[in-house]
Amino acid sequence: MSFGRPPSINVGFKVTPPDRGSFPLDHYGECSEKMKMYMACLKENGSTSTPCRHLSKDYLDCRMDKGLMERDEWKNLGLSNVDTKTKPSSEKPEAAPSGHNPPNQKQS
């Protein structure tokens, strides 16, 4: 026994890789801007992730590019059908009730 000092690491110590889904923290904030955009999107959408999937893909892509997680196929991450170039429109055009003109516009 070793009282007062750490046990020898040579005895029975086996190195194992981290569990799938665990990855290093972004200590240098390399992807923090993308993470903040994703979190803001979640907040705007009441924690519903569907409208924010394109931002999730951007964030994970940043992590993979910076070596903060192992590169994986998008289908394995559930994001194969998400296009990062176009984001879904969350704004719905407001339709004026029929026979009603918006303010500051004259009816002809």
PDB file of N, CA and C in Angstrom:
ATOM      1  N   MET A   1       0.830  -1.186   0.000  1.00  0.00           N
ATOM      2  CA  MET A   1       0.000   0.000   0.000  1.00  0.00           C
ATOM      3  C   MET A   1       0.866   1.236   0.000  1.00  0.00           C
ATOM      4  N   SER A   2       0.322   2.283  -0.550  1.00  0.00           N
ATOM      5  CA  SER A   2       1.074   3.528  -0.591  1.00  0.00           C
ATOM      6  C   SER A   2       0.276   4.603   0.137  1.00  0.00           C
ATOM      7  N   PHE A   3       0.585   4.770   1.387  1.00  0.00           N
ATOM      8  CA  PHE A   3      -0.097   5.795   2.171  1.00  0.00           C
ATOM      9  C   PHE A   3       0.569   7.151   1.924  1.00  0.00           C
ATOM     10  N   GLY A   4      -0.229   8.156   1.617  1.00  0.00           N
ATOM     11  CA  GLY A   4       0.299   9.500   1.448  1.00  0.00           C
ATOM     12  C   GLY A   4       0.857   9.811   0.082  1.00  0.00           C
ATOM     13  N   ARG A   5       0.840   8.871  -0.821  1.00  0.00           N
ATOM     14  CA  ARG A   5       1.274   9.155  -2.176  1.00  0.00           C
ATOM     15  C   ARG A   5       0.359   8.407  -3.143  1.00  0.00           C
ATOM     16  N   PRO A   6       0.281   8.880  -4.375  1.00  0.00           N
ATOM     17  CA  PRO A   6      -0.611   8.212  -5.326  1.00  0.00           C
ATOM     18  C   PRO A   6      -0.110   6.812  -5.654  1.00  0.00           C
ATOM     19  N   PRO A   7      -1.027   5.920  -5.955  1.00  0.00           N
ATOM     20  CA  PRO A   7      -0.599   4.565  -6.318  1.00  0.00           C
ATOM     21  C   PRO A   7       0.172   4.577  -7.629  1.00  0.00           C
ATOM     22  N   SER A   8       0.953   3.581  -7.827  1.00  0.00           N
ATOM     23  CA  SER A   8       1.736   3.471  -9.048  1.00  0.00           C
ATOM     24  C   SER A   8       0.788   3.310 -10.234  1.00  0.00           C
ATOM     25  N   ILE A   9       1.019   4.095 -11.293  1.00  0.00           N
ATOM     26  CA  ILE A   9       0.134   3.996 -12.456  1.00  0.00           C
ATOM     27  C   ILE A   9       0.496   2.807 -13.341  1.00  0.00           C
ATOM     28  N   ASN A  10       1.601   2.167 -13.068  1.00  0.00           N
ATOM     29  CA  ASN A  10       2.004   1.027 -13.880  1.00  0.00           C
ATOM     30  C   ASN A  10       1.231  -0.232 -13.530  1.00  0.00           C
ATOM     31  N   VAL A  11       0.599  -0.261 -12.395  1.00  0.00           N
ATOM     32  CA  VAL A  11      -0.080  -1.464 -11.947  1.00  0.00           C
ATOM     33  C   VAL A  11      -1.557  -1.407 -12.324  1.00  0.00           C
ATOM     34  N   GLY A  12      -1.960  -2.239 -13.259  1.00  0.00           N
ATOM     35  CA  GLY A  12      -3.371  -2.390 -13.607  1.00  0.00           C
ATOM     36  C   GLY A  12      -4.026  -1.196 -14.287  1.00  0.00           C
ATOM     37  N   PHE A  13      -3.261  -0.275 -14.844  1.00  0.00           N
ATOM     38  CA  PHE A  13      -3.845   0.889 -15.503  1.00  0.00           C
ATOM     39  C   PHE A  13      -3.981   0.599 -16.985  1.00  0.00           C
ATOM     40  N   LYS A  14      -5.199   0.707 -17.496  1.00  0.00           N
ATOM     41  CA  LYS A  14      -5.456   0.438 -18.901  1.00  0.00           C
ATOM     42  C   LYS A  14      -6.079   1.671 -19.531  1.00  0.00           C
ATOM     43  N   VAL A  15      -5.502   2.155 -20.603  1.00  0.00           N
ATOM     44  CA  VAL A  15      -6.015   3.322 -21.307  1.00  0.00           C
ATOM     45  C   VAL A  15      -7.169   2.878 -22.198  1.00  0.00           C
ATOM     46  N   THR A  16      -8.298   3.597 -22.087  1.00  0.00           N
ATOM     47  CA  THR A  16      -9.450   3.309 -22.931  1.00  0.00           C
ATOM     48  C   THR A  16      -9.898   4.594 -23.613  1.00  0.00           C
ATOM     49  N   PRO A  17     -10.388   4.485 -24.844  1.00  0.00           N
ATOM     50  CA  PRO A  17     -10.876   5.681 -25.529  1.00  0.00           C
ATOM     51  C   PRO A  17     -12.165   6.171 -24.874  1.00  0.00           C
ATOM     52  N   PRO A  18     -12.498   7.453 -25.059  1.00  0.00           N
ATOM     53  CA  PRO A  18     -13.741   7.963 -24.473  1.00  0.00           C
ATOM     54  C   PRO A  18     -14.956   7.321 -25.125  1.00  0.00           C
ATOM     55  N   ASP A  19     -16.060   7.335 -24.416  1.00  0.00           N
ATOM     56  CA  ASP A  19     -17.301   6.803 -24.962  1.00  0.00           C
ATOM     57  C   ASP A  19     -17.709   7.615 -26.184  1.00  0.00           C
ATOM     58  N   ARG A  20     -18.413   6.946 -27.104  1.00  0.00           N
ATOM     59  CA  ARG A  20     -18.916   7.653 -28.286  1.00  0.00           C
ATOM     60  C   ARG A  20     -19.862   8.753 -27.814  1.00  0.00           C
ATOM     61  N   GLY A  21     -19.699   9.932 -28.384  1.00  0.00           N
ATOM     62  CA  GLY A  21     -20.538  11.052 -27.997  1.00  0.00           C
ATOM     63  C   GLY A  21     -19.863  11.985 -27.013  1.00  0.00           C
ATOM     64  N   SER A  22     -18.747  11.567 -26.431  1.00  0.00           N
ATOM     65  CA  SER A  22     -18.011  12.471 -25.551  1.00  0.00           C
ATOM     66  C   SER A  22     -16.827  13.018 -26.344  1.00  0.00           C
ATOM     67  N   PHE A  23     -16.562  14.281 -26.189  1.00  0.00           N
ATOM     68  CA  PHE A  23     -15.482  14.894 -26.926  1.00  0.00           C
ATOM     69  C   PHE A  23     -14.911  16.050 -26.117  1.00  0.00           C
ATOM     70  N   PRO A  24     -13.715  16.521 -26.474  1.00  0.00           N
ATOM     71  CA  PRO A  24     -13.069  17.578 -25.693  1.00  0.00           C
ATOM     72  C   PRO A  24     -13.877  18.871 -25.678  1.00  0.00           C
ATOM     73  N   LEU A  25     -13.748  19.598 -24.590  1.00  0.00           N
ATOM     74  CA  LEU A  25     -14.365  20.910 -24.499  1.00  0.00           C
ATOM     75  C   LEU A  25     -13.638  21.877 -25.422  1.00  0.00           C
ATOM     76  N   ASP A  26     -14.336  22.880 -25.846  1.00  0.00           N
ATOM     77  CA  ASP A  26     -13.779  23.895 -26.732  1.00  0.00           C
ATOM     78  C   ASP A  26     -13.132  24.983 -25.877  1.00  0.00           C
ATOM     79  N   HIS A  27     -11.972  24.660 -25.282  1.00  0.00           N
ATOM     80  CA  HIS A  27     -11.308  25.558 -24.347  1.00  0.00           C
ATOM     81  C   HIS A  27     -10.926  26.900 -24.971  1.00  0.00           C
ATOM     82  N   TYR A  28     -10.614  26.917 -26.242  1.00  0.00           N
ATOM     83  CA  TYR A  28     -10.174  28.142 -26.893  1.00  0.00           C
ATOM     84  C   TYR A  28     -11.308  28.874 -27.607  1.00  0.00           C
ATOM     85  N   GLY A  29     -12.531  28.374 -27.500  1.00  0.00           N
ATOM     86  CA  GLY A  29     -13.689  29.044 -28.094  1.00  0.00           C
ATOM     87  C   GLY A  29     -13.670  29.070 -29.607  1.00  0.00           C
ATOM     88  N   GLU A  30     -13.067  28.062 -30.216  1.00  0.00           N
ATOM     89  CA  GLU A  30     -12.944  28.039 -31.671  1.00  0.00           C
ATOM     90  C   GLU A  30     -14.297  27.945 -32.377  1.00  0.00           C
ATOM     91  N   CYS A  31     -15.272  27.343 -31.733  1.00  0.00           N
ATOM     92  CA  CYS A  31     -16.595  27.176 -32.335  1.00  0.00           C
ATOM     93  C   CYS A  31     -17.679  27.847 -31.499  1.00  0.00           C
ATOM     94  N   SER A  32     -17.289  28.761 -30.633  1.00  0.00           N
ATOM     95  CA  SER A  32     -18.265  29.355 -29.715  1.00  0.00           C
ATOM     96  C   SER A  32     -19.289  30.218 -30.434  1.00  0.00           C
ATOM     97  N   GLU A  33     -18.910  30.878 -31.534  1.00  0.00           N
ATOM     98  CA  GLU A  33     -19.863  31.717 -32.259  1.00  0.00           C
ATOM     99  C   GLU A  33     -20.988  30.864 -32.856  1.00  0.00           C
ATOM    100  N   LYS A  34     -20.624  29.733 -33.426  1.00  0.00           N
ATOM    101  CA  LYS A  34     -21.640  28.833 -33.997  1.00  0.00           C
ATOM    102  C   LYS A  34     -22.518  28.240 -32.896  1.00  0.00           C
ATOM    103  N   MET A  35     -21.928  27.951 -31.752  1.00  0.00           N
ATOM    104  CA  MET A  35     -22.693  27.426 -30.625  1.00  0.00           C
ATOM    105  C   MET A  35     -23.682  28.477 -30.122  1.00  0.00           C
ATOM    106  N   LYS A  36     -23.244  29.728 -30.056  1.00  0.00           N
ATOM    107  CA  LYS A  36     -24.123  30.802 -29.592  1.00  0.00           C
ATOM    108  C   LYS A  36     -25.290  31.017 -30.554  1.00  0.00           C
ATOM    109  N   MET A  37     -25.020  30.909 -31.850  1.00  0.00           N
ATOM    110  CA  MET A  37     -26.094  31.050 -32.841  1.00  0.00           C
ATOM    111  C   MET A  37     -27.116  29.929 -32.678  1.00  0.00           C
ATOM    112  N   TYR A  38     -26.634  28.716 -32.451  1.00  0.00           N
ATOM    113  CA  TYR A  38     -27.528  27.571 -32.254  1.00  0.00           C
ATOM    114  C   TYR A  38     -28.357  27.746 -30.986  1.00  0.00           C
ATOM    115  N   MET A  39     -27.722  28.167 -29.911  1.00  0.00           N
ATOM    116  CA  MET A  39     -28.437  28.357 -28.647  1.00  0.00           C
ATOM    117  C   MET A  39     -29.474  29.475 -28.764  1.00  0.00           C
ATOM    118  N   ALA A  40     -29.153  30.544 -29.482  1.00  0.00           N
ATOM    119  CA  ALA A  40     -30.106  31.632 -29.696  1.00  0.00           C
ATOM    120  C   ALA A  40     -31.301  31.138 -30.505  1.00  0.00           C
ATOM    121  N   CYS A  41     -31.034  30.310 -31.496  1.00  0.00           N
ATOM    122  CA  CYS A  41     -32.112  29.740 -32.310  1.00  0.00           C
ATOM    123  C   CYS A  41     -33.029  28.877 -31.448  1.00  0.00           C
ATOM    124  N   LEU A  42     -32.439  28.062 -30.577  1.00  0.00           N
ATOM    125  CA  LEU A  42     -33.251  27.237 -29.676  1.00  0.00           C
ATOM    126  C   LEU A  42     -34.119  28.110 -28.773  1.00  0.00           C
ATOM    127  N   LYS A  43     -33.548  29.181 -28.277  1.00  0.00           N
ATOM    128  CA  LYS A  43     -34.294  30.078 -27.398  1.00  0.00           C
ATOM    129  C   LYS A  43     -35.455  30.728 -28.148  1.00  0.00           C
ATOM    130  N   GLU A  44     -35.200  31.169 -29.382  1.00  0.00           N
ATOM    131  CA  GLU A  44     -36.239  31.799 -30.197  1.00  0.00           C
ATOM    132  C   GLU A  44     -37.366  30.833 -30.542  1.00  0.00           C
ATOM    133  N   ASN A  45     -37.047  29.556 -30.622  1.00  0.00           N
ATOM    134  CA  ASN A  45     -38.024  28.556 -31.046  1.00  0.00           C
ATOM    135  C   ASN A  45     -38.527  27.692 -29.902  1.00  0.00           C
ATOM    136  N   GLY A  46     -38.421  28.182 -28.683  1.00  0.00           N
ATOM    137  CA  GLY A  46     -38.945  27.447 -27.536  1.00  0.00           C
ATOM    138  C   GLY A  46     -38.316  26.078 -27.354  1.00  0.00           C
ATOM    139  N   SER A  47     -37.019  25.981 -27.561  1.00  0.00           N
ATOM    140  CA  SER A  47     -36.240  24.741 -27.418  1.00  0.00           C
ATOM    141  C   SER A  47     -36.634  23.658 -28.412  1.00  0.00           C
ATOM    142  N   THR A  48     -37.298  24.042 -29.486  1.00  0.00           N
ATOM    143  CA  THR A  48     -37.601  23.100 -30.561  1.00  0.00           C
ATOM    144  C   THR A  48     -36.418  23.105 -31.518  1.00  0.00           C
ATOM    145  N   SER A  49     -35.786  21.974 -31.678  1.00  0.00           N
ATOM    146  CA  SER A  49     -34.534  21.930 -32.435  1.00  0.00           C
ATOM    147  C   SER A  49     -34.720  21.845 -33.946  1.00  0.00           C
ATOM    148  N   THR A  50     -35.877  21.459 -34.422  1.00  0.00           N
ATOM    149  CA  THR A  50     -36.069  21.273 -35.862  1.00  0.00           C
ATOM    150  C   THR A  50     -35.719  22.508 -36.683  1.00  0.00           C
ATOM    151  N   PRO A  51     -36.184  23.718 -36.316  1.00  0.00           N
ATOM    152  CA  PRO A  51     -35.815  24.880 -37.129  1.00  0.00           C
ATOM    153  C   PRO A  51     -34.337  25.251 -37.023  1.00  0.00           C
ATOM    154  N   CYS A  52     -33.616  24.647 -36.106  1.00  0.00           N
ATOM    155  CA  CYS A  52     -32.215  25.008 -35.864  1.00  0.00           C
ATOM    156  C   CYS A  52     -31.236  23.939 -36.345  1.00  0.00           C
ATOM    157  N   ARG A  53     -31.727  22.948 -37.061  1.00  0.00           N
ATOM    158  CA  ARG A  53     -30.870  21.830 -37.455  1.00  0.00           C
ATOM    159  C   ARG A  53     -29.701  22.273 -38.329  1.00  0.00           C
ATOM    160  N   HIS A  54     -29.908  23.269 -39.189  1.00  0.00           N
ATOM    161  CA  HIS A  54     -28.814  23.745 -40.042  1.00  0.00           C
ATOM    162  C   HIS A  54     -27.693  24.349 -39.190  1.00  0.00           C
ATOM    163  N   LEU A  55     -28.053  24.990 -38.083  1.00  0.00           N
ATOM    164  CA  LEU A  55     -27.038  25.555 -37.189  1.00  0.00           C
ATOM    165  C   LEU A  55     -26.327  24.465 -36.397  1.00  0.00           C
ATOM    166  N   SER A  56     -27.060  23.419 -36.064  1.00  0.00           N
ATOM    167  CA  SER A  56     -26.457  22.278 -35.379  1.00  0.00           C
ATOM    168  C   SER A  56     -25.405  21.626 -36.281  1.00  0.00           C
ATOM    169  N   LYS A  57     -25.746  21.493 -37.552  1.00  0.00           N
ATOM    170  CA  LYS A  57     -24.803  20.900 -38.504  1.00  0.00           C
ATOM    171  C   LYS A  57     -23.574  21.793 -38.662  1.00  0.00           C
ATOM    172  N   ASP A  58     -23.773  23.112 -38.734  1.00  0.00           N
ATOM    173  CA  ASP A  58     -22.641  24.042 -38.819  1.00  0.00           C
ATOM    174  C   ASP A  58     -21.724  23.901 -37.609  1.00  0.00           C
ATOM    175  N   TYR A  59     -22.324  23.808 -36.429  1.00  0.00           N
ATOM    176  CA  TYR A  59     -21.554  23.702 -35.191  1.00  0.00           C
ATOM    177  C   TYR A  59     -20.745  22.402 -35.157  1.00  0.00           C
ATOM    178  N   LEU A  60     -21.395  21.292 -35.476  1.00  0.00           N
ATOM    179  CA  LEU A  60     -20.688  20.011 -35.464  1.00  0.00           C
ATOM    180  C   LEU A  60     -19.602  19.977 -36.538  1.00  0.00           C
ATOM    181  N   ASP A  61     -19.860  20.597 -37.680  1.00  0.00           N
ATOM    182  CA  ASP A  61     -18.856  20.665 -38.737  1.00  0.00           C
ATOM    183  C   ASP A  61     -17.635  21.452 -38.256  1.00  0.00           C
ATOM    184  N   CYS A  62     -17.869  22.542 -37.547  1.00  0.00           N
ATOM    185  CA  CYS A  62     -16.767  23.324 -36.982  1.00  0.00           C
ATOM    186  C   CYS A  62     -15.960  22.469 -36.008  1.00  0.00           C
ATOM    187  N   ARG A  63     -16.632  21.738 -35.140  1.00  0.00           N
ATOM    188  CA  ARG A  63     -15.941  20.891 -34.156  1.00  0.00           C
ATOM    189  C   ARG A  63     -15.099  19.831 -34.862  1.00  0.00           C
ATOM    190  N   MET A  64     -15.648  19.238 -35.927  1.00  0.00           N
ATOM    191  CA  MET A  64     -14.893  18.215 -36.647  1.00  0.00           C
ATOM    192  C   MET A  64     -13.699  18.837 -37.366  1.00  0.00           C
ATOM    193  N   ASP A  65     -13.883  20.023 -37.948  1.00  0.00           N
ATOM    194  CA  ASP A  65     -12.785  20.698 -38.646  1.00  0.00           C
ATOM    195  C   ASP A  65     -11.650  21.076 -37.698  1.00  0.00           C
ATOM    196  N   LYS A  66     -11.984  21.429 -36.469  1.00  0.00           N
ATOM    197  CA  LYS A  66     -10.984  21.870 -35.490  1.00  0.00           C
ATOM    198  C   LYS A  66     -10.414  20.719 -34.670  1.00  0.00           C
ATOM    199  N   GLY A  67     -10.848  19.492 -34.956  1.00  0.00           N
ATOM    200  CA  GLY A  67     -10.335  18.326 -34.237  1.00  0.00           C
ATOM    201  C   GLY A  67     -10.904  18.174 -32.842  1.00  0.00           C
ATOM    202  N   LEU A  68     -12.039  18.809 -32.579  1.00  0.00           N
ATOM    203  CA  LEU A  68     -12.664  18.707 -31.257  1.00  0.00           C
ATOM    204  C   LEU A  68     -13.591  17.501 -31.152  1.00  0.00           C
ATOM    205  N   MET A  69     -13.837  16.871 -32.271  1.00  0.00           N
ATOM    206  CA  MET A  69     -14.560  15.600 -32.277  1.00  0.00           C
ATOM    207  C   MET A  69     -14.152  14.845 -33.537  1.00  0.00           C
ATOM    208  N   GLU A  70     -14.329  13.557 -33.484  1.00  0.00           N
ATOM    209  CA  GLU A  70     -13.954  12.719 -34.611  1.00  0.00           C
ATOM    210  C   GLU A  70     -14.906  12.965 -35.771  1.00  0.00           C
ATOM    211  N   ARG A  71     -14.367  13.050 -36.987  1.00  0.00           N
ATOM    212  CA  ARG A  71     -15.210  13.244 -38.164  1.00  0.00           C
ATOM    213  C   ARG A  71     -16.082  12.008 -38.355  1.00  0.00           C
ATOM    214  N   ASP A  72     -17.349  12.249 -38.613  1.00  0.00           N
ATOM    215  CA  ASP A  72     -18.309  11.165 -38.807  1.00  0.00           C
ATOM    216  C   ASP A  72     -19.217  11.550 -39.959  1.00  0.00           C
ATOM    217  N   GLU A  73     -19.894  10.565 -40.519  1.00  0.00           N
ATOM    218  CA  GLU A  73     -20.825  10.834 -41.614  1.00  0.00           C
ATOM    219  C   GLU A  73     -22.074  11.501 -41.060  1.00  0.00           C
ATOM    220  N   TRP A  74     -22.636  12.412 -41.858  1.00  0.00           N
ATOM    221  CA  TRP A  74     -23.827  13.143 -41.411  1.00  0.00           C
ATOM    222  C   TRP A  74     -24.998  12.209 -41.157  1.00  0.00           C
ATOM    223  N   LYS A  75     -25.078  11.120 -41.914  1.00  0.00           N
ATOM    224  CA  LYS A  75     -26.198  10.181 -41.691  1.00  0.00           C
ATOM    225  C   LYS A  75     -26.096   9.539 -40.307  1.00  0.00           C
ATOM    226  N   ASN A  76     -24.878   9.336 -39.814  1.00  0.00           N
ATOM    227  CA  ASN A  76     -24.699   8.769 -38.476  1.00  0.00           C
ATOM    228  C   ASN A  76     -25.071   9.765 -37.384  1.00  0.00           C
ATOM    229  N   LEU A  77     -25.018  11.054 -37.725  1.00  0.00           N
ATOM    230  CA  LEU A  77     -25.359  12.100 -36.770  1.00  0.00           C
ATOM    231  C   LEU A  77     -26.809  12.567 -36.925  1.00  0.00           C
ATOM    232  N   GLY A  78     -27.524  11.959 -37.873  1.00  0.00           N
ATOM    233  CA  GLY A  78     -28.927  12.312 -38.089  1.00  0.00           C
ATOM    234  C   GLY A  78     -29.115  13.623 -38.816  1.00  0.00           C
ATOM    235  N   LEU A  79     -28.102  14.060 -39.549  1.00  0.00           N
ATOM    236  CA  LEU A  79     -28.170  15.356 -40.220  1.00  0.00           C
ATOM    237  C   LEU A  79     -27.900  15.255 -41.721  1.00  0.00           C
ATOM    238  N   SER A  80     -28.111  14.093 -42.311  1.00  0.00           N
ATOM    239  CA  SER A  80     -27.783  13.924 -43.727  1.00  0.00           C
ATOM    240  C   SER A  80     -28.705  14.704 -44.643  1.00  0.00           C
ATOM    241  N   ASN A  81     -29.916  14.993 -44.206  1.00  0.00           N
ATOM    242  CA  ASN A  81     -30.869  15.697 -45.061  1.00  0.00           C
ATOM    243  C   ASN A  81     -30.919  17.196 -44.776  1.00  0.00           C
ATOM    244  N   VAL A  82     -29.953  17.709 -44.027  1.00  0.00           N
ATOM    245  CA  VAL A  82     -29.931  19.127 -43.665  1.00  0.00           C
ATOM    246  C   VAL A  82     -28.937  19.852 -44.542  1.00  0.00           C
ATOM    247  N   ASP A  83     -29.382  20.913 -45.198  1.00  0.00           N
ATOM    248  CA  ASP A  83     -28.511  21.726 -46.035  1.00  0.00           C
ATOM    249  C   ASP A  83     -28.072  22.940 -45.231  1.00  0.00           C
ATOM    250  N   THR A  84     -26.769  23.126 -45.071  1.00  0.00           N
ATOM    251  CA  THR A  84     -26.272  24.251 -44.277  1.00  0.00           C
ATOM    252  C   THR A  84     -26.259  25.549 -45.069  1.00  0.00           C
ATOM    253  N   LYS A  85     -26.376  25.478 -46.382  1.00  0.00           N
ATOM    254  CA  LYS A  85     -26.337  26.682 -47.205  1.00  0.00           C
ATOM    255  C   LYS A  85     -27.632  27.487 -47.086  1.00  0.00           C
ATOM    256  N   THR A  86     -28.751  26.778 -46.975  1.00  0.00           N
ATOM    257  CA  THR A  86     -30.039  27.466 -46.874  1.00  0.00           C
ATOM    258  C   THR A  86     -30.666  27.139 -45.542  1.00  0.00           C
ATOM    259  N   LYS A  87     -31.170  28.156 -44.904  1.00  0.00           N
ATOM    260  CA  LYS A  87     -31.833  27.915 -43.632  1.00  0.00           C
ATOM    261  C   LYS A  87     -33.326  28.060 -43.817  1.00  0.00           C
ATOM    262  N   PRO A  88     -34.106  27.282 -43.066  1.00  0.00           N
ATOM    263  CA  PRO A  88     -35.545  27.350 -43.229  1.00  0.00           C
ATOM    264  C   PRO A  88     -36.080  28.715 -42.824  1.00  0.00           C
ATOM    265  N   SER A  89     -37.101  29.148 -43.529  1.00  0.00           N
ATOM    266  CA  SER A  89     -37.698  30.444 -43.231  1.00  0.00           C
ATOM    267  C   SER A  89     -38.581  30.332 -42.010  1.00  0.00           C
ATOM    268  N   SER A  90     -38.218  31.067 -40.965  1.00  0.00           N
ATOM    269  CA  SER A  90     -39.022  31.046 -39.746  1.00  0.00           C
ATOM    270  C   SER A  90     -39.987  32.217 -39.719  1.00  0.00           C
ATOM    271  N   GLU A  91     -39.800  33.143 -40.679  1.00  0.00           N
ATOM    272  CA  GLU A  91     -40.684  34.288 -40.730  1.00  0.00           C
ATOM    273  C   GLU A  91     -41.858  33.972 -41.636  1.00  0.00           C
ATOM    274  N   LYS A  92     -43.035  34.233 -41.133  1.00  0.00           N
ATOM    275  CA  LYS A  92     -44.244  34.009 -41.908  1.00  0.00           C
ATOM    276  C   LYS A  92     -44.770  35.366 -42.336  1.00  0.00           C
ATOM    277  N   PRO A  93     -45.060  35.543 -43.623  1.00  0.00           N
ATOM    278  CA  PRO A  93     -45.577  36.834 -44.056  1.00  0.00           C
ATOM    279  C   PRO A  93     -46.958  37.062 -43.456  1.00  0.00           C
ATOM    280  N   GLU A  94     -47.162  38.292 -43.029  1.00  0.00           N
ATOM    281  CA  GLU A  94     -48.446  38.618 -42.434  1.00  0.00           C
ATOM    282  C   GLU A  94     -49.413  39.002 -43.539  1.00  0.00           C
ATOM    283  N   ALA A  95     -50.546  38.355 -43.555  1.00  0.00           N
ATOM    284  CA  ALA A  95     -51.569  38.659 -44.543  1.00  0.00           C
ATOM    285  C   ALA A  95     -52.560  39.635 -43.929  1.00  0.00           C
ATOM    286  N   ALA A  96     -52.845  40.698 -44.669  1.00  0.00           N
ATOM    287  CA  ALA A  96     -53.823  41.671 -44.194  1.00  0.00           C
ATOM    288  C   ALA A  96     -55.215  41.096 -44.408  1.00  0.00           C
ATOM    289  N   PRO A  97     -56.123  41.298 -43.475  1.00  0.00           N
ATOM    290  CA  PRO A  97     -57.486  40.820 -43.667  1.00  0.00           C
ATOM    291  C   PRO A  97     -58.082  41.443 -44.920  1.00  0.00           C
ATOM    292  N   SER A  98     -58.926  40.685 -45.613  1.00  0.00           N
ATOM    293  CA  SER A  98     -59.490  41.182 -46.866  1.00  0.00           C
ATOM    294  C   SER A  98     -60.334  42.428 -46.605  1.00  0.00           C
ATOM    295  N   GLY A  99     -60.177  43.390 -47.524  1.00  0.00           N
ATOM    296  CA  GLY A  99     -60.914  44.636 -47.406  1.00  0.00           C
ATOM    297  C   GLY A  99     -60.291  45.600 -46.418  1.00  0.00           C
ATOM    298  N   HIS A 100     -59.132  45.266 -45.846  1.00  0.00           N
ATOM    299  CA  HIS A 100     -58.474  46.130 -44.867  1.00  0.00           C
ATOM    300  C   HIS A 100     -57.108  46.517 -45.406  1.00  0.00           C
ATOM    301  N   ASN A 101     -56.844  47.810 -45.459  1.00  0.00           N
ATOM    302  CA  ASN A 101     -55.543  48.295 -45.939  1.00  0.00           C
ATOM    303  C   ASN A 101     -54.639  48.559 -44.755  1.00  0.00           C
ATOM    304  N   PRO A 102     -53.352  48.225 -44.886  1.00  0.00           N
ATOM    305  CA  PRO A 102     -52.411  48.562 -43.819  1.00  0.00           C
ATOM    306  C   PRO A 102     -52.354  50.069 -43.625  1.00  0.00           C
ATOM    307  N   PRO A 103     -51.977  50.538 -42.457  1.00  0.00           N
ATOM    308  CA  PRO A 103     -51.878  51.977 -42.216  1.00  0.00           C
ATOM    309  C   PRO A 103     -50.918  52.646 -43.188  1.00  0.00           C
ATOM    310  N   ASN A 104     -51.115  53.920 -43.432  1.00  0.00           N
ATOM    311  CA  ASN A 104     -50.269  54.740 -44.298  1.00  0.00           C
ATOM    312  C   ASN A 104     -50.330  54.351 -45.766  1.00  0.00           C
ATOM    313  N   GLN A 105     -51.327  53.579 -46.165  1.00  0.00           N
ATOM    314  CA  GLN A 105     -51.484  53.255 -47.580  1.00  0.00           C
ATOM    315  C   GLN A 105     -52.884  53.665 -48.007  1.00  0.00           C
ATOM    316  N   LYS A 106     -52.972  54.285 -49.174  1.00  0.00           N
ATOM    317  CA  LYS A 106     -54.261  54.741 -49.681  1.00  0.00           C
ATOM    318  C   LYS A 106     -54.849  53.682 -50.580  1.00  0.00           C
ATOM    319  N   GLN A 107     -56.156  53.572 -50.532  1.00  0.00           N
ATOM    320  CA  GLN A 107     -56.848  52.612 -51.381  1.00  0.00           C
ATOM    321  C   GLN A 107     -57.135  53.287 -52.706  1.00  0.00           C
ATOM    322  N   SER A 108     -56.892  52.617 -53.838  1.00  0.00           N
ATOM    323  CA  SER A 108     -57.133  53.235 -55.134  1.00  0.00           C
ATOM    324  C   SER A 108     -58.463  52.863 -55.702  1.00  0.00           C
TER     325      SER A 108
END
